[in-house]
Amino acid sequence: MLGAKTLGARIHAFFGESELVLSVQPLRIVNGDAPAEVRLLVLAWAACHQSQLLSLWNQWMSGQRPPILLGHAA
């Protein structure tokens, strides 16, 4: 079984019944499916927050519990 350190920094984005898994460094979709406009929106949001996401990932890897990030709530 692969651990979090092996897989690297990643986030999960949910939209309706869709889920995307994104690698944070490099920034790309690694799994999941969603409409094209949702994929573009999620990638744009992640690009704007990439340094914060990496910082939170590093906190997680050092044993701290970072907060859950919410990009947009309906």
C-alpha atoms as a PDB file:
ATOM      1  CA  MET A   1       0.000   0.000   0.000  1.00  0.00           C
ATOM      2  CA  LEU A   2       1.330   3.414  -0.941  1.00  0.00           C
ATOM      3  CA  GLY A   3       1.544   6.005   1.793  1.00  0.00           C
ATOM      4  CA  ALA A   4       0.939   9.745   1.668  1.00  0.00           C
ATOM      5  CA  LYS A   5       4.664  10.530   1.421  1.00  0.00           C
ATOM      6  CA  THR A   6       5.032   8.232  -1.586  1.00  0.00           C
ATOM      7  CA  LEU A   7       2.105   9.791  -3.432  1.00  0.00           C
ATOM      8  CA  GLY A   8       3.078  13.385  -2.614  1.00  0.00           C
ATOM      9  CA  ALA A   9       0.976  16.460  -1.965  1.00  0.00           C
ATOM     10  CA  ARG A  10      -2.542  16.097  -3.302  1.00  0.00           C
ATOM     11  CA  ILE A  11      -6.060  17.359  -2.759  1.00  0.00           C
ATOM     12  CA  HIS A  12      -9.532  15.993  -3.383  1.00  0.00           C
ATOM     13  CA  ALA A  13     -12.155  18.243  -4.947  1.00  0.00           C
ATOM     14  CA  PHE A  14     -15.846  17.333  -4.909  1.00  0.00           C
ATOM     15  CA  PHE A  15     -18.580  18.653  -7.184  1.00  0.00           C
ATOM     16  CA  GLY A  16     -21.978  16.979  -7.047  1.00  0.00           C
ATOM     17  CA  GLU A  17     -21.307  13.299  -7.706  1.00  0.00           C
ATOM     18  CA  SER A  18     -17.855  14.023  -9.151  1.00  0.00           C
ATOM     19  CA  GLU A  19     -14.502  13.802  -7.380  1.00  0.00           C
ATOM     20  CA  LEU A  20     -11.128  14.928  -8.675  1.00  0.00           C
ATOM     21  CA  VAL A  21      -7.757  14.109  -7.151  1.00  0.00           C
ATOM     22  CA  LEU A  22      -5.067  16.671  -7.909  1.00  0.00           C
ATOM     23  CA  SER A  23      -1.338  16.494  -7.460  1.00  0.00           C
ATOM     24  CA  VAL A  24      -0.210  19.815  -5.966  1.00  0.00           C
ATOM     25  CA  GLN A  25       3.411  19.655  -7.166  1.00  0.00           C
ATOM     26  CA  PRO A  26       3.278  19.446 -10.158  1.00  0.00           C
ATOM     27  CA  LEU A  27      -0.259  20.753 -10.381  1.00  0.00           C
ATOM     28  CA  ARG A  28      -2.356  18.299 -12.406  1.00  0.00           C
ATOM     29  CA  ILE A  29      -5.401  16.044 -12.198  1.00  0.00           C
ATOM     30  CA  VAL A  30      -4.271  12.511 -11.378  1.00  0.00           C
ATOM     31  CA  ASN A  31      -7.633  10.785 -10.955  1.00  0.00           C
ATOM     32  CA  GLY A  32     -11.366  11.316 -11.171  1.00  0.00           C
ATOM     33  CA  ASP A  33     -13.814  12.763 -13.608  1.00  0.00           C
ATOM     34  CA  ALA A  34     -15.853  15.951 -13.747  1.00  0.00           C
ATOM     35  CA  PRO A  35     -17.228  18.223 -16.463  1.00  0.00           C
ATOM     36  CA  ALA A  36     -14.544  20.206 -18.327  1.00  0.00           C
ATOM     37  CA  GLU A  37     -15.597  23.533 -16.806  1.00  0.00           C
ATOM     38  CA  VAL A  38     -15.319  22.058 -13.304  1.00  0.00           C
ATOM     39  CA  ARG A  39     -11.851  20.662 -14.028  1.00  0.00           C
ATOM     40  CA  LEU A  40     -10.701  24.074 -15.279  1.00  0.00           C
ATOM     41  CA  LEU A  41     -12.204  25.865 -12.266  1.00  0.00           C
ATOM     42  CA  VAL A  42     -10.588  23.451  -9.789  1.00  0.00           C
ATOM     43  CA  LEU A  43      -7.192  23.729 -11.508  1.00  0.00           C
ATOM     44  CA  ALA A  44      -7.427  27.542 -11.531  1.00  0.00           C
ATOM     45  CA  TRP A  45      -8.357  27.610  -7.819  1.00  0.00           C
ATOM     46  CA  ALA A  46      -5.521  25.221  -6.942  1.00  0.00           C
ATOM     47  CA  ALA A  47      -3.028  27.290  -8.956  1.00  0.00           C
ATOM     48  CA  CYS A  48      -4.014  30.422  -7.004  1.00  0.00           C
ATOM     49  CA  HIS A  49      -3.616  28.555  -3.686  1.00  0.00           C
ATOM     50  CA  GLN A  50      -0.712  26.252  -4.551  1.00  0.00           C
ATOM     51  CA  SER A  51       1.758  27.680  -2.004  1.00  0.00           C
ATOM     52  CA  GLN A  52      -0.855  27.510   0.765  1.00  0.00           C
ATOM     53  CA  LEU A  53      -1.737  23.939  -0.211  1.00  0.00           C
ATOM     54  CA  LEU A  54       1.930  22.908  -0.088  1.00  0.00           C
ATOM     55  CA  SER A  55       2.324  24.566   3.304  1.00  0.00           C
ATOM     56  CA  LEU A  56      -0.717  22.729   4.667  1.00  0.00           C
ATOM     57  CA  TRP A  57       0.569  19.444   3.206  1.00  0.00           C
ATOM     58  CA  ASN A  58       3.916  19.962   4.945  1.00  0.00           C
ATOM     59  CA  GLN A  59       2.077  20.593   8.235  1.00  0.00           C
ATOM     60  CA  TRP A  60       0.166  17.347   7.746  1.00  0.00           C
ATOM     61  CA  MET A  61       3.365  15.411   7.014  1.00  0.00           C
ATOM     62  CA  SER A  62       5.002  16.816  10.168  1.00  0.00           C
ATOM     63  CA  GLY A  63       2.134  15.517  12.304  1.00  0.00           C
ATOM     64  CA  GLN A  64       0.091  18.706  12.646  1.00  0.00           C
ATOM     65  CA  ARG A  65      -3.618  18.794  11.791  1.00  0.00           C
ATOM     66  CA  PRO A  66      -4.187  21.598   9.263  1.00  0.00           C
ATOM     67  CA  PRO A  67      -7.735  22.891   8.705  1.00  0.00           C
ATOM     68  CA  ILE A  68      -9.947  21.653   5.893  1.00  0.00           C
ATOM     69  CA  LEU A  69      -9.966  24.152   3.036  1.00  0.00           C
ATOM     70  CA  LEU A  70     -13.220  25.018   1.379  1.00  0.00           C
ATOM     71  CA  GLY A  71     -12.822  26.720  -1.975  1.00  0.00           C
ATOM     72  CA  HIS A  72     -16.457  27.512  -2.554  1.00  0.00           C
ATOM     73  CA  ALA A  73     -19.672  26.505  -0.866  1.00  0.00           C
ATOM     74  CA  ALA A  74     -22.975  26.593  -2.702  1.00  0.00           C
END
